[in-house]
Amino acid sequence: MKLFKGMMLGAAAVATATTAQAADLPVAPEPVDYVRICDAYGARFFYIPGTETCLRVGGRVRADYGISDFGNSGPNSWDSKADNSLRFRARGYIRLDARTQTEFGLLRTYTDVWFTSNNSNFGSAGGNTELWDAFVQLGGFTFGRTGSFFDYWTGESWGSRIGQGLDSRANLAAYTATFGNGLSASLSLESNTGERSPSTYIGGYSRGGFRYPALVANVNVVQGWGGAQLMGVVKANRASTAPVDSETAWAIGASARFNLPMLGSNTGLGLRAVYADGAIGYIHEAYGSYDATLNAAGTGLSNSTGWGVAAGITHYWTPTIYTAVQGQYWDIDTLNTANDLSAWSAHATLGWTPVSGLVIGTEFEYKDEDFGAGGVDNQDMTVTFRVQRTF
């Protein structure tokens, strides 16, 4: 009996100790759904915890290595000792895209920031930060900084050194009305500054302060075959000198990009034509062209006029190897013959995408600028090797 009681007491002691040890063990927390996938706006969006806002975080890293100054004349000739012929660049991008459905329609905010390190003559020397995009959209309204509503097809090639067309940013306020079947129309008030408005006019007169925004309008269609746009802009050329009157400037254009699946997957053709009176920066990324010239009487500005055309095609030879070829021509007439300009440029790109998001390739670019009597002609030739990953 004593033996039995001893065994029972021992078992009770062991059970008590085991229970105490089990009570000391950490308890696994209940699973919490901290991040939920949001598939309403495409891939890679997720819900910000505690909200109904969907966020996509992305970016890009790019490394460019260029050699240039093969031209026969002008500041970009091989004989020039002032220019760096080797051009190295590293650039990082951060992109944030946040979207929320509201009773007023889709609320979207988008930010794209660039961080760049260059050696001189490949953009600005050293490092710089550029706010490429920062805008808010609600319903059909757009407020902030983004691409001009004048621009549509911005080119097939990289344009790593020599600009291939129209891809300018502007601070703006715009409204877009949609009519179904991919048809829309937009009206945009845009900052009348930056690369599309030179700081001086011919004759040494500085540009005056802007009193009115540039007014941009377009009609746009996007369908299965591709897309197209008709666009126009009105702005003012205004000199800082008191007796010089202002001059109204304008430009009109048409642009399209056609999908060509009969030639291969992802094959496309882009076209653009623009005419301008005093708004030369809307023909091409301006290359220092002047919008206006002081007239002979010294009392007003005489607008420069010009036109430009461009075409380009991208073709995938295999799912991972593609080429892009593009050319453009533009012609500018001014009151000062030395600033008249006839120019053309050509681009050829070869790219390899061994894995999704990664591009390795090279680009050849050539530009020829012929100025009027008394002007200095210029040629530029560049070869660039690029490694880029987008995520």
Protein backbone atom coordinates (compact mmCIF):
# COMPACT_ATOMS: atom_id res chain seq x y z
CA MET A 1 0.00 0.00 0.00
CA LYS A 2 2.81 2.34 0.86
CA LEU A 3 4.45 1.49 -2.45
CA PHE A 4 1.24 2.28 -4.36
CA LYS A 5 0.79 5.61 -2.58
CA GLY A 6 4.39 6.51 -3.32
CA MET A 7 3.95 5.77 -7.02
CA MET A 8 0.80 7.92 -7.18
CA LEU A 9 2.49 10.84 -5.46
CA GLY A 10 5.45 10.60 -7.83
CA ALA A 11 3.19 10.58 -10.89
CA ALA A 12 1.33 13.62 -9.58
CA ALA A 13 4.59 15.47 -9.06
CA VAL A 14 5.75 14.71 -12.60
CA ALA A 15 2.40 15.83 -14.04
CA THR A 16 2.54 19.08 -12.08
CA ALA A 17 6.07 19.82 -13.28
CA THR A 18 5.13 19.08 -16.88
CA THR A 19 2.13 21.38 -16.67
CA ALA A 20 4.26 24.18 -15.25
CA GLN A 21 6.86 23.79 -18.00
CA ALA A 22 4.16 23.82 -20.69
CA ALA A 23 2.73 27.01 -19.23
CA ASP A 24 6.14 28.66 -19.62
CA LEU A 25 6.38 27.93 -23.38
CA PRO A 26 5.62 30.87 -25.75
CA VAL A 27 2.27 30.70 -27.47
CA ALA A 28 2.30 31.08 -31.28
CA PRO A 29 0.53 34.33 -32.23
CA GLU A 30 -2.63 34.27 -34.24
CA PRO A 31 -1.84 34.76 -37.94
CA VAL A 32 -2.40 38.38 -39.04
CA ASP A 33 -2.94 39.42 -42.66
CA TYR A 34 -0.53 42.35 -42.65
CA VAL A 35 -0.25 42.65 -46.45
CA ARG A 36 -3.03 41.83 -48.88
CA ILE A 37 -2.60 41.59 -52.62
CA CYS A 38 -4.56 44.17 -54.63
CA ASP A 39 -5.35 42.95 -58.14
CA ALA A 40 -7.76 45.72 -59.14
CA TYR A 41 -5.09 47.74 -60.99
CA GLY A 42 -2.81 45.06 -62.38
CA ALA A 43 0.17 43.16 -61.05
CA ARG A 44 2.35 44.03 -58.04
CA PHE A 45 -0.11 46.23 -56.14
CA PHE A 46 -0.79 45.59 -52.46
CA TYR A 47 -3.04 47.19 -49.85
CA ILE A 48 -1.35 49.57 -47.44
CA PRO A 49 -2.16 47.99 -44.04
CA GLY A 50 -5.18 49.56 -42.39
CA THR A 51 -6.36 51.30 -45.58
CA GLU A 52 -8.17 50.61 -48.82
CA THR A 53 -5.34 52.23 -50.81
CA CYS A 54 -3.41 50.04 -53.23
CA LEU A 55 0.30 50.78 -53.61
CA ARG A 56 2.85 49.67 -56.15
CA VAL A 57 6.55 50.20 -55.39
CA GLY A 58 8.91 50.03 -58.34
CA GLY A 59 12.09 51.41 -59.71
CA ARG A 60 14.97 51.08 -62.11
CA VAL A 61 18.76 51.06 -62.12
CA ARG A 62 20.62 52.07 -65.29
CA ALA A 63 24.30 52.19 -66.22
CA ASP A 64 25.37 53.87 -69.49
CA TYR A 65 28.85 53.91 -71.04
CA GLY A 66 29.22 56.16 -74.08
CA ILE A 67 31.89 57.32 -76.47
CA SER A 68 31.20 60.30 -78.71
CA ASP A 69 32.63 63.34 -80.52
CA PHE A 70 33.10 61.55 -83.83
CA GLY A 71 31.62 64.46 -85.77
CA ASN A 72 33.58 66.25 -88.47
CA SER A 73 32.70 69.81 -87.43
CA GLY A 74 31.41 71.95 -84.61
CA PRO A 75 31.87 71.66 -80.84
CA ASN A 76 31.30 67.88 -80.92
CA SER A 77 34.07 67.07 -83.40
CA TRP A 78 36.81 64.57 -82.59
CA ASP A 79 39.39 67.39 -82.68
CA SER A 80 37.66 69.28 -79.86
CA LYS A 81 39.76 69.31 -76.68
CA ALA A 82 37.06 70.86 -74.50
CA ASP A 83 34.70 67.87 -74.46
CA ASN A 84 34.91 64.55 -72.64
CA SER A 85 34.55 61.85 -75.28
CA LEU A 86 33.98 59.11 -72.69
CA ARG A 87 30.66 59.47 -70.91
CA PHE A 88 29.75 57.33 -67.91
CA ARG A 89 26.40 57.52 -66.13
CA ALA A 90 24.68 55.70 -63.28
CA ARG A 91 21.04 56.43 -62.52
CA GLY A 92 18.53 55.08 -60.01
CA TYR A 93 14.76 55.53 -60.12
CA ILE A 94 12.16 55.25 -57.35
CA ARG A 95 8.50 55.00 -58.38
CA LEU A 96 5.43 55.00 -56.13
CA ASP A 97 1.92 54.52 -57.50
CA ALA A 98 -1.00 54.75 -55.01
CA ARG A 99 -4.65 54.28 -56.02
CA THR A 100 -7.96 54.41 -54.14
CA GLN A 101 -11.53 54.12 -55.39
CA THR A 102 -13.69 56.99 -54.10
CA GLU A 103 -17.22 58.25 -54.67
CA PHE A 104 -15.67 60.83 -57.04
CA GLY A 105 -13.83 58.23 -59.11
CA LEU A 106 -10.29 56.89 -58.98
CA LEU A 107 -7.89 58.84 -56.74
CA ARG A 108 -4.31 58.26 -57.91
CA THR A 109 -0.98 59.73 -56.84
CA TYR A 110 2.24 58.95 -58.68
CA THR A 111 5.86 59.89 -57.97
CA ASP A 112 8.99 59.16 -60.04
CA VAL A 113 12.33 60.46 -58.71
CA TRP A 114 15.68 60.11 -60.54
CA PHE A 115 19.09 60.03 -58.87
CA THR A 116 21.94 60.50 -61.36
CA SER A 117 25.72 60.48 -61.28
CA ASN A 118 27.50 61.64 -64.46
CA ASN A 119 30.92 62.55 -65.60
CA SER A 120 30.87 65.90 -67.39
CA ASN A 121 29.24 66.39 -70.80
CA PHE A 122 26.82 63.48 -70.29
CA GLY A 123 24.11 65.61 -68.79
CA SER A 124 25.36 67.70 -65.88
CA ALA A 125 28.62 66.74 -64.20
CA GLY A 126 28.55 65.11 -60.79
CA GLY A 127 25.32 64.01 -59.13
CA ASN A 128 21.83 65.42 -59.26
CA THR A 129 18.28 64.56 -58.25
CA GLU A 130 15.36 65.19 -60.59
CA LEU A 131 11.66 65.01 -59.86
CA TRP A 132 10.40 63.49 -63.10
CA ASP A 133 6.76 62.94 -62.12
CA ALA A 134 4.66 63.98 -59.12
CA PHE A 135 0.94 64.27 -59.73
CA VAL A 136 -2.52 63.70 -58.25
CA GLN A 137 -5.43 62.46 -60.37
CA LEU A 138 -9.07 62.46 -59.30
CA GLY A 139 -11.70 61.55 -61.81
CA GLY A 140 -10.62 63.28 -65.00
CA PHE A 141 -8.43 65.92 -63.32
CA THR A 142 -4.62 65.87 -63.19
CA PHE A 143 -2.62 68.23 -60.94
CA GLY A 144 1.17 68.35 -60.54
CA ARG A 145 4.15 67.52 -62.71
CA THR A 146 4.02 65.02 -65.56
CA GLY A 147 4.44 64.76 -69.32
CA SER A 148 2.99 67.59 -71.39
CA PHE A 149 -0.43 66.80 -72.83
CA PHE A 150 1.02 67.94 -76.18
CA ASP A 151 3.30 64.90 -76.32
CA TYR A 152 2.11 61.48 -77.41
CA TRP A 153 4.59 59.21 -79.17
CA THR A 154 7.96 59.93 -77.56
CA GLY A 155 10.19 57.67 -79.65
CA GLU A 156 11.23 54.06 -80.18
CA SER A 157 14.95 54.34 -79.44
CA TRP A 158 16.59 55.15 -76.11
CA GLY A 159 17.81 58.62 -77.05
CA SER A 160 20.58 58.12 -74.52
CA ARG A 161 22.45 61.29 -75.57
CA ILE A 162 20.77 62.80 -78.63
CA GLY A 163 17.11 63.53 -77.96
CA GLN A 164 14.78 61.65 -80.28
CA GLY A 165 11.70 63.83 -80.11
CA LEU A 166 9.15 65.13 -77.63
CA ASP A 167 9.20 63.95 -74.03
CA SER A 168 9.06 67.10 -71.89
CA ARG A 169 7.80 67.51 -68.33
CA ALA A 170 5.63 70.40 -67.17
CA ASN A 171 3.90 71.58 -64.02
CA LEU A 172 0.27 71.59 -65.05
CA ALA A 173 -3.43 71.39 -64.26
CA ALA A 174 -5.50 69.41 -66.74
CA TYR A 175 -8.89 67.82 -67.33
CA THR A 176 -9.55 64.78 -69.52
CA ALA A 177 -13.02 63.84 -70.73
CA THR A 178 -13.57 60.26 -71.92
CA PHE A 179 -16.22 59.32 -74.49
CA GLY A 180 -15.92 55.54 -74.71
CA ASN A 181 -14.26 53.27 -77.27
CA GLY A 182 -10.86 54.67 -76.26
CA LEU A 183 -11.68 58.26 -77.30
CA SER A 184 -10.78 61.18 -75.02
CA ALA A 185 -10.08 64.92 -75.10
CA SER A 186 -7.90 66.95 -72.74
CA LEU A 187 -7.36 70.60 -71.87
CA SER A 188 -4.21 71.50 -69.92
CA LEU A 189 -2.74 74.67 -68.41
CA GLU A 190 1.04 74.17 -68.39
CA SER A 191 4.07 76.05 -67.09
CA ASN A 192 5.50 78.16 -69.91
CA THR A 193 9.09 77.56 -68.79
CA GLY A 194 11.87 75.01 -69.07
CA GLU A 195 13.41 73.40 -72.10
CA ARG A 196 10.58 74.46 -74.39
CA SER A 197 11.18 78.17 -73.76
CA PRO A 198 14.74 79.50 -74.20
CA SER A 199 15.94 82.09 -71.70
CA THR A 200 16.87 84.61 -74.42
CA TYR A 201 15.61 85.73 -77.81
CA ILE A 202 17.80 86.47 -80.80
CA GLY A 203 19.36 89.90 -80.38
CA GLY A 204 20.37 89.31 -76.77
CA TYR A 205 17.04 90.29 -75.24
CA SER A 206 16.12 88.26 -72.19
CA ARG A 207 12.82 86.48 -71.96
CA GLY A 208 10.31 88.34 -69.85
CA GLY A 209 8.39 86.89 -66.96
CA PHE A 210 5.41 84.76 -67.86
CA ARG A 211 1.94 86.09 -67.13
CA TYR A 212 -0.07 83.29 -68.74
CA PRO A 213 0.32 79.52 -68.84
CA ALA A 214 0.62 77.62 -72.08
CA LEU A 215 -2.79 76.29 -73.13
CA VAL A 216 -2.59 72.74 -74.52
CA ALA A 217 -5.46 70.75 -76.02
CA ASN A 218 -5.59 67.28 -77.54
CA VAL A 219 -7.94 64.63 -78.89
CA ASN A 220 -6.71 61.09 -78.28
CA VAL A 221 -7.79 57.60 -79.27
CA VAL A 222 -6.39 54.27 -78.00
CA GLN A 223 -7.69 50.98 -79.42
CA GLY A 224 -6.49 47.50 -80.30
CA TRP A 225 -4.66 48.71 -83.42
CA GLY A 226 -2.65 51.27 -81.44
CA GLY A 227 -3.32 54.93 -80.74
CA ALA A 228 -3.22 58.45 -82.20
CA GLN A 229 -3.47 62.06 -81.10
CA LEU A 230 -4.14 65.51 -82.54
CA MET A 231 -2.70 68.31 -80.39
CA GLY A 232 -2.22 72.06 -80.23
CA VAL A 233 -0.72 74.70 -77.94
CA VAL A 234 -0.96 78.49 -77.57
CA LYS A 235 1.52 80.50 -75.49
CA ALA A 236 3.10 83.96 -75.33
CA ASN A 237 6.60 85.12 -76.27
CA ARG A 238 7.44 88.09 -74.07
CA ALA A 239 10.72 90.01 -73.88
CA SER A 240 11.92 91.76 -70.73
CA THR A 241 12.68 95.03 -72.58
CA ALA A 242 9.92 97.60 -72.01
CA PRO A 243 9.27 98.84 -75.59
CA VAL A 244 9.19 95.34 -77.07
CA ASP A 245 5.67 93.98 -77.54
CA SER A 246 4.72 90.40 -76.78
CA GLU A 247 3.88 87.92 -79.52
CA THR A 248 1.40 85.05 -79.48
CA ALA A 249 2.98 81.69 -80.31
CA TRP A 250 1.41 78.37 -81.23
CA ALA A 251 2.03 74.87 -82.52
CA ILE A 252 -0.11 72.06 -83.91
CA GLY A 253 0.73 68.41 -84.45
CA ALA A 254 -0.38 64.85 -85.03
CA SER A 255 1.16 61.65 -83.69
CA ALA A 256 0.37 57.94 -83.77
CA ARG A 257 1.74 54.52 -82.87
CA PHE A 258 0.52 51.42 -84.68
CA ASN A 259 0.76 47.85 -83.41
CA LEU A 260 2.07 45.53 -86.14
CA PRO A 261 1.51 41.97 -84.89
CA MET A 262 1.66 40.67 -88.48
CA LEU A 263 5.40 41.50 -88.40
CA GLY A 264 6.00 39.94 -84.99
CA SER A 265 5.04 40.16 -81.34
CA ASN A 266 5.55 43.62 -79.76
CA THR A 267 6.38 45.21 -83.14
CA GLY A 268 5.23 48.81 -83.45
CA LEU A 269 5.57 51.87 -85.71
CA GLY A 270 5.51 55.47 -84.42
CA LEU A 271 4.94 58.67 -86.41
CA ARG A 272 4.85 62.38 -85.58
CA ALA A 273 4.52 65.71 -87.45
CA VAL A 274 4.48 69.22 -85.92
CA TYR A 275 4.32 72.80 -87.26
CA ALA A 276 5.10 75.76 -84.99
CA ASP A 277 4.98 79.55 -85.09
CA GLY A 278 7.01 80.91 -82.17
CA ALA A 279 6.79 77.66 -80.17
CA ILE A 280 9.88 75.94 -81.56
CA GLY A 281 10.38 73.68 -78.54
CA TYR A 282 7.23 71.77 -79.53
CA ILE A 283 8.82 70.66 -82.81
CA HIS A 284 11.73 68.88 -81.18
CA GLU A 285 13.71 68.92 -77.96
CA ALA A 286 14.90 72.34 -78.89
CA TYR A 287 18.72 72.21 -79.25
CA GLY A 288 18.90 75.90 -78.37
CA SER A 289 16.55 77.09 -81.13
CA TYR A 290 15.13 80.55 -80.55
CA ASP A 291 11.38 81.16 -80.35
CA ALA A 292 11.59 84.74 -81.67
CA THR A 293 13.84 87.51 -83.03
CA LEU A 294 13.77 91.25 -82.31
CA ASN A 295 12.30 92.93 -85.38
CA ALA A 296 14.17 95.52 -87.45
CA ALA A 297 12.37 98.45 -85.80
CA GLY A 298 13.29 97.19 -82.33
CA THR A 299 9.67 97.45 -81.21
CA GLY A 300 8.53 93.84 -81.21
CA LEU A 301 9.36 90.20 -81.65
CA SER A 302 9.20 88.26 -84.89
CA ASN A 303 8.34 84.63 -84.27
CA SER A 304 10.52 81.87 -85.64
CA THR A 305 8.64 79.27 -87.66
CA GLY A 306 9.41 75.63 -88.29
CA TRP A 307 8.25 72.09 -88.81
CA GLY A 308 9.44 68.62 -88.00
CA VAL A 309 8.66 64.98 -88.74
CA ALA A 310 9.78 61.73 -87.11
CA ALA A 311 9.27 58.00 -87.58
CA GLY A 312 10.51 54.91 -85.77
CA ILE A 313 9.91 51.17 -85.53
CA THR A 314 10.63 48.49 -82.91
CA HIS A 315 10.81 44.81 -83.89
CA TYR A 316 11.42 41.72 -81.75
CA TRP A 317 13.38 39.15 -83.76
CA THR A 318 13.05 36.63 -80.93
CA PRO A 319 11.23 36.86 -77.58
CA THR A 320 14.43 38.32 -76.08
CA ILE A 321 16.22 40.22 -78.91
CA TYR A 322 14.89 43.41 -80.47
CA THR A 323 15.97 46.35 -82.60
CA ALA A 324 14.63 49.90 -82.77
CA VAL A 325 15.36 52.32 -85.62
CA GLN A 326 14.27 55.95 -85.69
CA GLY A 327 14.88 59.12 -87.69
CA GLN A 328 13.70 62.72 -87.56
CA TYR A 329 14.09 65.94 -89.52
CA TRP A 330 13.30 69.50 -88.48
CA ASP A 331 13.64 72.89 -90.18
CA ILE A 332 13.60 76.30 -88.43
CA ASP A 333 13.39 79.77 -90.07
CA THR A 334 14.23 82.95 -88.13
CA LEU A 335 14.57 86.65 -88.91
CA ASN A 336 18.32 86.24 -88.33
CA THR A 337 19.74 84.03 -91.11
CA ALA A 338 22.60 82.75 -88.94
CA ASN A 339 20.06 81.06 -86.69
CA ASP A 340 18.15 79.31 -89.46
CA LEU A 341 18.46 75.58 -88.93
CA SER A 342 18.01 72.41 -90.95
CA ALA A 343 18.78 69.30 -88.92
CA TRP A 344 18.28 65.56 -88.86
CA SER A 345 19.19 62.72 -86.55
CA ALA A 346 19.11 58.93 -86.63
CA HIS A 347 19.11 56.26 -83.91
CA ALA A 348 19.63 52.50 -84.03
CA THR A 349 19.21 50.34 -80.91
CA LEU A 350 19.95 46.65 -80.34
CA GLY A 351 18.63 45.18 -77.09
CA TRP A 352 18.70 41.81 -75.33
CA THR A 353 16.31 40.93 -72.48
CA PRO A 354 17.68 37.64 -71.04
CA VAL A 355 15.33 37.80 -68.04
CA SER A 356 12.23 39.82 -67.28
CA GLY A 357 13.03 43.46 -66.50
CA LEU A 358 16.69 43.29 -67.58
CA VAL A 359 17.93 44.99 -70.77
CA ILE A 360 21.49 44.81 -72.09
CA GLY A 361 22.24 46.55 -75.35
CA THR A 362 23.87 49.24 -77.40
CA GLU A 363 22.71 52.30 -79.33
CA PHE A 364 24.18 54.31 -82.19
CA GLU A 365 23.13 57.95 -82.60
CA TYR A 366 23.98 60.61 -85.18
CA LYS A 367 22.91 64.24 -85.50
CA ASP A 368 23.67 66.81 -88.23
CA GLU A 369 22.80 70.51 -87.76
CA ASP A 370 23.23 72.96 -90.66
CA PHE A 371 22.81 76.63 -89.74
CA GLY A 372 22.35 79.57 -92.09
CA ALA A 373 25.08 81.92 -93.33
CA GLY A 374 27.21 83.02 -90.40
CA GLY A 375 26.14 80.13 -88.18
CA VAL A 376 28.34 77.28 -86.95
CA ASP A 377 27.32 73.85 -88.23
CA ASN A 378 27.51 70.90 -85.89
CA GLN A 379 27.73 67.12 -86.09
CA ASP A 380 27.54 64.62 -83.25
CA MET A 381 27.97 60.85 -83.22
CA THR A 382 27.64 58.65 -80.13
CA VAL A 383 27.75 54.94 -79.30
CA THR A 384 26.31 53.88 -75.93
CA PHE A 385 26.37 50.55 -74.09
CA ARG A 386 23.60 50.11 -71.50
CA VAL A 387 22.72 47.72 -68.70
CA GLN A 388 19.33 48.38 -67.12
CA ARG A 389 17.00 46.59 -64.74
CA THR A 390 13.40 47.67 -64.13
CA PHE A 391 11.47 46.23 -61.20
